[in-house]
Amino acid sequence: MVKGTVKASEVNSYVSIPVLKAQTWLAAVVILLSIPNAFADSDFSTFWQKFKPAVTGGDKAAVAEMAKFPLLMPYGVKAVKNKENFLRRSDEIFKGEANAAQCFAKAEPRKESAKRYEIYCPFKDTPNDMENAPIRFMFELTKGGWRFVGLDNINE
């Protein structure tokens, strides 16, 4: 071999390493994109582990940080426009028709889709009647992560 020349086999070995890395990276991205629900589930679980104790412990400021405004409300009730409005109306939201703290202690979130979970609670006068649980607390996956987006009385 003459000094300054490169064999074809040497060129192929240098080219194949970056190509191999790119193919590996691309394969990893494809795999991750094909299973988004697994990540959404774990993200909701993490969110729920923060949201639930904030509600059961009465930490209104923490709950407000995990909400998306305007917060949807039952038929005929004005939406909660912002954090300040939420802090004033939090008792109406979590102690109105249902006792959310008591319900959240035992209720399990129900997956409605990859981007939505709901929790159904009974009326506060009948806290153990999970067969009749029309108060729905709704959570959605937003650009900023999981958020509490509203509540509804499905009987109305």
N, C-alpha and C. Protein backbone atom coordinates (compact mmCIF):
# COMPACT_ATOMS: atom_id res chain seq x y z
N MET A 1 0.85 -1.18 0.00
CA MET A 1 0.00 0.00 0.00
C MET A 1 0.89 1.23 0.00
N VAL A 2 0.53 2.20 -0.80
CA VAL A 2 1.29 3.44 -0.92
C VAL A 2 0.82 4.37 0.17
N LYS A 3 1.79 5.08 0.77
CA LYS A 3 1.46 6.02 1.83
C LYS A 3 0.48 7.07 1.30
N GLY A 4 -0.59 7.35 2.08
CA GLY A 4 -1.58 8.33 1.67
C GLY A 4 -2.79 7.73 0.97
N THR A 5 -2.76 6.47 0.66
CA THR A 5 -3.94 5.85 0.03
C THR A 5 -4.69 5.06 1.08
N VAL A 6 -5.97 4.89 0.86
CA VAL A 6 -6.83 4.19 1.80
C VAL A 6 -7.50 3.03 1.09
N LYS A 7 -7.48 1.89 1.72
CA LYS A 7 -8.13 0.71 1.15
C LYS A 7 -9.66 0.89 1.22
N ALA A 8 -10.38 0.26 0.31
CA ALA A 8 -11.84 0.32 0.29
C ALA A 8 -12.43 -0.24 1.57
N SER A 9 -11.85 -1.28 2.14
CA SER A 9 -12.37 -1.88 3.37
C SER A 9 -12.26 -0.92 4.54
N GLU A 10 -11.21 -0.08 4.55
CA GLU A 10 -11.07 0.91 5.62
C GLU A 10 -12.14 1.99 5.50
N VAL A 11 -12.48 2.43 4.31
CA VAL A 11 -13.51 3.44 4.09
C VAL A 11 -14.85 2.91 4.58
N ASN A 12 -15.18 1.68 4.20
CA ASN A 12 -16.45 1.09 4.60
C ASN A 12 -16.57 0.99 6.11
N SER A 13 -15.50 0.70 6.83
CA SER A 13 -15.58 0.57 8.28
C SER A 13 -15.84 1.91 8.94
N TYR A 14 -15.32 3.00 8.37
CA TYR A 14 -15.56 4.32 8.94
C TYR A 14 -16.96 4.81 8.64
N VAL A 15 -17.48 4.52 7.49
CA VAL A 15 -18.81 4.96 7.10
C VAL A 15 -19.88 4.18 7.84
N SER A 16 -19.65 2.91 8.07
CA SER A 16 -20.69 2.08 8.65
C SER A 16 -20.98 2.39 10.11
N ILE A 17 -20.02 2.91 10.86
CA ILE A 17 -20.27 3.22 12.28
C ILE A 17 -21.32 4.32 12.42
N PRO A 18 -21.19 5.48 11.76
CA PRO A 18 -22.25 6.50 11.88
C PRO A 18 -23.60 6.01 11.34
N VAL A 19 -23.56 5.26 10.26
CA VAL A 19 -24.80 4.73 9.70
C VAL A 19 -25.45 3.77 10.69
N LEU A 20 -24.67 2.93 11.31
CA LEU A 20 -25.19 1.98 12.30
C LEU A 20 -25.79 2.72 13.49
N LYS A 21 -25.12 3.77 13.95
CA LYS A 21 -25.64 4.56 15.08
C LYS A 21 -26.97 5.21 14.69
N ALA A 22 -27.04 5.76 13.48
CA ALA A 22 -28.27 6.40 13.02
C ALA A 22 -29.41 5.39 12.92
N GLN A 23 -29.12 4.20 12.42
CA GLN A 23 -30.15 3.16 12.31
C GLN A 23 -30.63 2.72 13.68
N THR A 24 -29.70 2.58 14.62
CA THR A 24 -30.07 2.20 15.99
C THR A 24 -30.95 3.26 16.62
N TRP A 25 -30.57 4.52 16.45
CA TRP A 25 -31.34 5.62 17.00
C TRP A 25 -32.73 5.66 16.38
N LEU A 26 -32.81 5.51 15.08
CA LEU A 26 -34.09 5.52 14.39
C LEU A 26 -34.98 4.36 14.86
N ALA A 27 -34.39 3.20 15.02
CA ALA A 27 -35.17 2.05 15.51
C ALA A 27 -35.71 2.32 16.91
N ALA A 28 -34.91 2.93 17.76
CA ALA A 28 -35.35 3.24 19.13
C ALA A 28 -36.51 4.24 19.11
N VAL A 29 -36.43 5.24 18.25
CA VAL A 29 -37.51 6.23 18.14
C VAL A 29 -38.79 5.57 17.66
N VAL A 30 -38.69 4.71 16.67
CA VAL A 30 -39.87 4.01 16.15
C VAL A 30 -40.52 3.16 17.24
N ILE A 31 -39.71 2.47 18.01
CA ILE A 31 -40.24 1.64 19.10
C ILE A 31 -40.94 2.51 20.13
N LEU A 32 -40.32 3.60 20.53
CA LEU A 32 -40.92 4.48 21.53
C LEU A 32 -42.23 5.10 21.04
N LEU A 33 -42.26 5.48 19.77
CA LEU A 33 -43.49 6.07 19.23
C LEU A 33 -44.61 5.06 19.06
N SER A 34 -44.26 3.80 18.96
CA SER A 34 -45.29 2.79 18.77
C SER A 34 -45.98 2.40 20.07
N ILE A 35 -45.47 2.82 21.20
CA ILE A 35 -46.09 2.48 22.49
C ILE A 35 -46.34 3.72 23.35
N PRO A 36 -47.01 4.75 22.82
CA PRO A 36 -47.23 5.98 23.60
C PRO A 36 -48.12 5.77 24.81
N ASN A 37 -49.07 4.82 24.75
CA ASN A 37 -49.98 4.62 25.87
C ASN A 37 -49.26 4.18 27.13
N ALA A 38 -48.19 3.44 27.00
CA ALA A 38 -47.43 3.00 28.17
C ALA A 38 -46.87 4.21 28.91
N PHE A 39 -46.39 5.20 28.16
CA PHE A 39 -45.85 6.38 28.80
C PHE A 39 -46.97 7.25 29.35
N ALA A 40 -48.08 7.36 28.64
CA ALA A 40 -49.21 8.14 29.14
C ALA A 40 -49.72 7.57 30.44
N ASP A 41 -49.82 6.25 30.53
CA ASP A 41 -50.29 5.61 31.77
C ASP A 41 -49.38 5.95 32.93
N SER A 42 -48.07 5.79 32.74
CA SER A 42 -47.15 6.04 33.84
C SER A 42 -47.15 7.52 34.21
N ASP A 43 -47.29 8.40 33.22
CA ASP A 43 -47.36 9.81 33.52
C ASP A 43 -48.62 10.12 34.32
N PHE A 44 -49.75 9.49 33.98
CA PHE A 44 -50.96 9.75 34.76
C PHE A 44 -50.79 9.23 36.17
N SER A 45 -50.20 8.08 36.31
CA SER A 45 -49.97 7.52 37.64
C SER A 45 -49.14 8.47 38.49
N THR A 46 -48.11 9.04 37.91
CA THR A 46 -47.27 10.01 38.62
C THR A 46 -48.10 11.24 38.98
N PHE A 47 -48.89 11.73 38.03
CA PHE A 47 -49.76 12.88 38.28
C PHE A 47 -50.73 12.56 39.41
N TRP A 48 -51.37 11.39 39.35
CA TRP A 48 -52.37 11.01 40.35
C TRP A 48 -51.75 10.91 41.74
N GLN A 49 -50.51 10.44 41.82
CA GLN A 49 -49.82 10.33 43.11
C GLN A 49 -49.57 11.69 43.74
N LYS A 50 -49.62 12.75 42.95
CA LYS A 50 -49.49 14.12 43.47
C LYS A 50 -50.86 14.76 43.69
N PHE A 51 -51.76 14.53 42.73
CA PHE A 51 -53.07 15.18 42.77
C PHE A 51 -53.92 14.68 43.93
N LYS A 52 -53.99 13.37 44.08
CA LYS A 52 -54.84 12.76 45.11
C LYS A 52 -54.52 13.29 46.51
N PRO A 53 -53.25 13.26 46.97
CA PRO A 53 -52.98 13.78 48.32
C PRO A 53 -53.18 15.29 48.43
N ALA A 54 -53.03 16.01 47.31
CA ALA A 54 -53.29 17.45 47.37
C ALA A 54 -54.77 17.70 47.64
N VAL A 55 -55.64 16.92 47.00
CA VAL A 55 -57.09 17.07 47.24
C VAL A 55 -57.45 16.57 48.63
N THR A 56 -57.02 15.36 48.98
CA THR A 56 -57.41 14.80 50.28
C THR A 56 -56.83 15.61 51.44
N GLY A 57 -55.69 16.28 51.20
CA GLY A 57 -55.08 17.11 52.25
C GLY A 57 -55.52 18.56 52.22
N GLY A 58 -56.37 18.92 51.26
CA GLY A 58 -56.89 20.29 51.19
C GLY A 58 -55.87 21.32 50.71
N ASP A 59 -54.87 20.91 49.96
CA ASP A 59 -53.86 21.84 49.45
C ASP A 59 -54.36 22.47 48.15
N LYS A 60 -55.16 23.53 48.31
CA LYS A 60 -55.82 24.18 47.17
C LYS A 60 -54.81 24.74 46.16
N ALA A 61 -53.72 25.32 46.64
CA ALA A 61 -52.72 25.91 45.74
C ALA A 61 -52.07 24.83 44.87
N ALA A 62 -51.75 23.68 45.47
CA ALA A 62 -51.14 22.59 44.70
C ALA A 62 -52.12 22.05 43.66
N VAL A 63 -53.38 21.92 44.04
CA VAL A 63 -54.39 21.43 43.10
C VAL A 63 -54.54 22.43 41.95
N ALA A 64 -54.55 23.71 42.25
CA ALA A 64 -54.69 24.75 41.22
C ALA A 64 -53.55 24.66 40.20
N GLU A 65 -52.36 24.32 40.66
CA GLU A 65 -51.21 24.19 39.76
C GLU A 65 -51.36 23.00 38.82
N MET A 66 -52.20 22.04 39.20
CA MET A 66 -52.40 20.83 38.39
C MET A 66 -53.69 20.89 37.58
N ALA A 67 -54.30 22.07 37.52
CA ALA A 67 -55.56 22.25 36.79
C ALA A 67 -55.33 23.02 35.50
N LYS A 68 -56.24 22.81 34.56
CA LYS A 68 -56.23 23.55 33.28
C LYS A 68 -57.45 24.47 33.30
N PHE A 69 -57.21 25.73 33.03
CA PHE A 69 -58.29 26.71 33.04
C PHE A 69 -58.62 27.15 31.62
N PRO A 70 -59.90 27.43 31.37
CA PRO A 70 -61.02 27.38 32.29
C PRO A 70 -61.38 25.94 32.65
N LEU A 71 -61.75 25.75 33.89
CA LEU A 71 -62.13 24.43 34.41
C LEU A 71 -63.62 24.23 34.11
N LEU A 72 -63.93 23.13 33.45
CA LEU A 72 -65.33 22.85 33.09
C LEU A 72 -66.13 22.50 34.34
N MET A 73 -67.36 22.95 34.37
CA MET A 73 -68.25 22.70 35.50
C MET A 73 -69.56 22.10 35.00
N PRO A 74 -70.37 21.54 35.92
CA PRO A 74 -71.64 20.93 35.52
C PRO A 74 -72.56 21.94 34.82
N TYR A 75 -73.55 21.38 34.13
CA TYR A 75 -74.53 22.17 33.40
C TYR A 75 -75.10 23.26 34.31
N GLY A 76 -75.11 24.48 33.81
CA GLY A 76 -75.70 25.60 34.54
C GLY A 76 -74.77 26.26 35.55
N VAL A 77 -73.56 25.75 35.71
CA VAL A 77 -72.59 26.32 36.65
C VAL A 77 -71.48 26.97 35.84
N LYS A 78 -71.14 28.21 36.21
CA LYS A 78 -70.11 28.93 35.48
C LYS A 78 -68.77 28.22 35.57
N ALA A 79 -68.03 28.23 34.45
CA ALA A 79 -66.68 27.66 34.42
C ALA A 79 -65.78 28.42 35.39
N VAL A 80 -64.77 27.73 35.88
CA VAL A 80 -63.78 28.36 36.76
C VAL A 80 -62.71 28.92 35.84
N LYS A 81 -62.61 30.26 35.80
CA LYS A 81 -61.80 30.93 34.78
C LYS A 81 -60.30 30.89 34.99
N ASN A 82 -59.84 30.95 36.25
CA ASN A 82 -58.40 31.06 36.49
C ASN A 82 -58.07 30.56 37.91
N LYS A 83 -56.81 30.63 38.25
CA LYS A 83 -56.34 30.13 39.54
C LYS A 83 -57.00 30.85 40.72
N GLU A 84 -57.12 32.16 40.63
CA GLU A 84 -57.73 32.93 41.72
C GLU A 84 -59.19 32.52 41.92
N ASN A 85 -59.90 32.36 40.82
CA ASN A 85 -61.29 31.92 40.85
C ASN A 85 -61.38 30.51 41.44
N PHE A 86 -60.42 29.66 41.06
CA PHE A 86 -60.36 28.29 41.58
C PHE A 86 -60.17 28.29 43.10
N LEU A 87 -59.26 29.10 43.59
CA LEU A 87 -58.99 29.14 45.03
C LEU A 87 -60.24 29.58 45.81
N ARG A 88 -61.01 30.51 45.25
CA ARG A 88 -62.26 30.95 45.90
C ARG A 88 -63.34 29.88 45.85
N ARG A 89 -63.37 29.08 44.76
CA ARG A 89 -64.47 28.13 44.54
C ARG A 89 -64.09 26.68 44.81
N SER A 90 -62.93 26.42 45.38
CA SER A 90 -62.47 25.04 45.55
C SER A 90 -63.41 24.20 46.41
N ASP A 91 -64.02 24.80 47.43
CA ASP A 91 -64.99 24.03 48.23
C ASP A 91 -66.19 23.61 47.39
N GLU A 92 -66.64 24.49 46.52
CA GLU A 92 -67.74 24.16 45.61
C GLU A 92 -67.35 22.98 44.71
N ILE A 93 -66.10 22.97 44.26
CA ILE A 93 -65.61 21.94 43.34
C ILE A 93 -65.45 20.60 44.05
N PHE A 94 -64.80 20.60 45.20
CA PHE A 94 -64.42 19.35 45.86
C PHE A 94 -65.30 18.95 47.04
N LYS A 95 -66.19 19.85 47.48
CA LYS A 95 -67.07 19.50 48.60
C LYS A 95 -68.53 19.83 48.28
N GLY A 96 -68.83 20.08 47.00
CA GLY A 96 -70.18 20.43 46.58
C GLY A 96 -71.10 19.23 46.62
N GLU A 97 -71.35 18.63 45.46
CA GLU A 97 -72.25 17.48 45.39
C GLU A 97 -71.58 16.20 45.89
N ALA A 98 -70.26 16.13 45.75
CA ALA A 98 -69.51 14.95 46.20
C ALA A 98 -68.41 15.39 47.16
N ASN A 99 -68.02 14.50 48.05
CA ASN A 99 -66.88 14.76 48.91
C ASN A 99 -65.67 14.13 48.20
N ALA A 100 -64.96 14.95 47.44
CA ALA A 100 -63.86 14.44 46.62
C ALA A 100 -62.76 13.81 47.46
N ALA A 101 -62.43 14.40 48.58
CA ALA A 101 -61.36 13.86 49.43
C ALA A 101 -61.71 12.44 49.87
N GLN A 102 -62.93 12.25 50.32
CA GLN A 102 -63.37 10.93 50.76
C GLN A 102 -63.43 9.95 49.58
N CYS A 103 -63.93 10.41 48.45
CA CYS A 103 -64.05 9.56 47.26
C CYS A 103 -62.68 9.17 46.72
N PHE A 104 -61.79 10.15 46.59
CA PHE A 104 -60.47 9.89 46.02
C PHE A 104 -59.66 8.92 46.86
N ALA A 105 -59.96 8.85 48.15
CA ALA A 105 -59.23 7.93 49.03
C ALA A 105 -59.43 6.48 48.62
N LYS A 106 -60.60 6.18 48.00
CA LYS A 106 -60.86 4.79 47.63
C LYS A 106 -61.17 4.55 46.15
N ALA A 107 -61.52 5.59 45.42
CA ALA A 107 -61.86 5.42 44.00
C ALA A 107 -60.60 5.26 43.15
N GLU A 108 -60.75 4.52 42.06
CA GLU A 108 -59.64 4.31 41.12
C GLU A 108 -59.93 5.09 39.84
N PRO A 109 -58.93 5.79 39.31
CA PRO A 109 -59.13 6.47 38.03
C PRO A 109 -59.49 5.47 36.94
N ARG A 110 -60.38 5.88 36.07
CA ARG A 110 -60.84 5.03 34.96
C ARG A 110 -60.30 5.61 33.65
N LYS A 111 -59.55 4.80 32.91
CA LYS A 111 -58.98 5.25 31.65
C LYS A 111 -60.07 5.28 30.59
N GLU A 112 -60.29 6.45 30.01
CA GLU A 112 -61.28 6.61 28.95
C GLU A 112 -60.61 6.57 27.57
N SER A 113 -59.37 7.07 27.51
CA SER A 113 -58.59 7.04 26.28
C SER A 113 -57.14 7.28 26.67
N ALA A 114 -56.25 7.30 25.68
CA ALA A 114 -54.83 7.53 25.96
C ALA A 114 -54.59 8.92 26.55
N LYS A 115 -55.54 9.84 26.34
CA LYS A 115 -55.36 11.21 26.81
C LYS A 115 -56.43 11.65 27.80
N ARG A 116 -57.15 10.69 28.38
CA ARG A 116 -58.23 11.08 29.30
C ARG A 116 -58.48 10.01 30.35
N TYR A 117 -58.57 10.46 31.60
CA TYR A 117 -58.97 9.62 32.73
C TYR A 117 -60.12 10.32 33.44
N GLU A 118 -60.93 9.52 34.12
CA GLU A 118 -62.05 10.07 34.90
C GLU A 118 -62.18 9.32 36.20
N ILE A 119 -62.74 10.01 37.19
CA ILE A 119 -63.05 9.38 38.47
C ILE A 119 -64.51 9.70 38.76
N TYR A 120 -65.25 8.67 39.10
CA TYR A 120 -66.67 8.84 39.42
C TYR A 120 -66.86 8.73 40.92
N CYS A 121 -67.58 9.70 41.48
CA CYS A 121 -67.81 9.74 42.93
C CYS A 121 -69.30 9.77 43.23
N PRO A 122 -69.69 9.17 44.35
CA PRO A 122 -71.09 9.23 44.76
C PRO A 122 -71.41 10.59 45.38
N PHE A 123 -72.69 10.85 45.58
CA PHE A 123 -73.10 12.07 46.28
C PHE A 123 -72.56 12.03 47.70
N LYS A 124 -72.26 13.20 48.25
CA LYS A 124 -71.67 13.23 49.59
C LYS A 124 -72.62 12.70 50.66
N ASP A 125 -73.94 12.73 50.41
CA ASP A 125 -74.90 12.19 51.37
C ASP A 125 -74.92 10.66 51.38
N THR A 126 -74.40 10.04 50.31
CA THR A 126 -74.35 8.57 50.22
C THR A 126 -72.93 8.14 49.79
N PRO A 127 -71.94 8.39 50.65
CA PRO A 127 -70.54 8.21 50.26
C PRO A 127 -70.13 6.77 49.92
N ASN A 128 -70.88 5.79 50.38
CA ASN A 128 -70.52 4.39 50.12
C ASN A 128 -71.28 3.78 48.95
N ASP A 129 -72.10 4.58 48.29
CA ASP A 129 -72.91 4.09 47.17
C ASP A 129 -72.14 4.25 45.86
N MET A 130 -71.15 3.40 45.64
CA MET A 130 -70.34 3.51 44.42
C MET A 130 -71.11 3.02 43.19
N GLU A 131 -72.24 2.35 43.40
CA GLU A 131 -73.10 1.94 42.29
C GLU A 131 -73.76 3.17 41.66
N ASN A 132 -74.02 4.18 42.47
CA ASN A 132 -74.61 5.43 42.01
C ASN A 132 -73.58 6.54 42.25
N ALA A 133 -72.66 6.68 41.31
CA ALA A 133 -71.57 7.66 41.43
C ALA A 133 -71.59 8.58 40.21
N PRO A 134 -72.48 9.58 40.20
CA PRO A 134 -72.65 10.40 39.00
C PRO A 134 -71.72 11.61 38.88
N ILE A 135 -70.95 11.89 39.93
CA ILE A 135 -70.08 13.06 39.88
C ILE A 135 -68.75 12.65 39.26
N ARG A 136 -68.47 13.22 38.12
CA ARG A 136 -67.30 12.82 37.33
C ARG A 136 -66.23 13.92 37.37
N PHE A 137 -65.04 13.54 37.83
CA PHE A 137 -63.88 14.42 37.80
C PHE A 137 -63.05 14.00 36.59
N MET A 138 -62.68 14.98 35.75
CA MET A 138 -62.05 14.66 34.46
C MET A 138 -60.60 15.17 34.40
N PHE A 139 -59.75 14.35 33.80
CA PHE A 139 -58.33 14.65 33.67
C PHE A 139 -57.91 14.40 32.23
N GLU A 140 -57.09 15.31 31.69
CA GLU A 140 -56.65 15.17 30.30
C GLU A 140 -55.15 15.39 30.19
N LEU A 141 -54.58 14.74 29.20
CA LEU A 141 -53.17 14.94 28.88
C LEU A 141 -53.09 16.16 27.97
N THR A 142 -52.44 17.20 28.45
CA THR A 142 -52.29 18.45 27.69
C THR A 142 -50.83 18.60 27.27
N LYS A 143 -50.53 19.66 26.56
CA LYS A 143 -49.14 19.93 26.18
C LYS A 143 -48.25 20.07 27.40
N GLY A 144 -48.82 20.53 28.51
CA GLY A 144 -48.06 20.71 29.75
C GLY A 144 -48.12 19.51 30.68
N GLY A 145 -48.64 18.39 30.20
CA GLY A 145 -48.76 17.19 31.03
C GLY A 145 -50.20 16.97 31.45
N TRP A 146 -50.39 16.06 32.39
CA TRP A 146 -51.74 15.73 32.87
C TRP A 146 -52.28 16.88 33.69
N ARG A 147 -53.57 17.19 33.50
CA ARG A 147 -54.23 18.27 34.22
C ARG A 147 -55.66 17.87 34.59
N PHE A 148 -56.12 18.41 35.70
CA PHE A 148 -57.52 18.33 36.09
C PHE A 148 -58.25 19.35 35.23
N VAL A 149 -59.25 18.91 34.46
CA VAL A 149 -59.89 19.81 33.50
C VAL A 149 -61.35 20.13 33.82
N GLY A 150 -61.95 19.41 34.79
CA GLY A 150 -63.31 19.75 35.13
C GLY A 150 -64.06 18.67 35.84
N LEU A 151 -65.29 18.98 36.18
CA LEU A 151 -66.18 17.99 36.79
C LEU A 151 -67.56 18.15 36.21
N ASP A 152 -68.35 17.10 36.38
CA ASP A 152 -69.67 17.07 35.79
C ASP A 152 -70.56 16.16 36.62
N ASN A 153 -71.85 16.43 36.59
CA ASN A 153 -72.83 15.52 37.14
C ASN A 153 -73.49 14.85 35.93
N ILE A 154 -73.17 13.58 35.71
CA ILE A 154 -73.64 12.92 34.50
C ILE A 154 -75.15 12.74 34.46
N ASN A 155 -75.84 12.99 35.60
CA ASN A 155 -77.31 12.90 35.64
C ASN A 155 -77.98 14.15 35.09
N GLU A 156 -77.22 15.21 34.92
CA GLU A 156 -77.82 16.48 34.46
C GLU A 156 -77.71 16.65 32.97
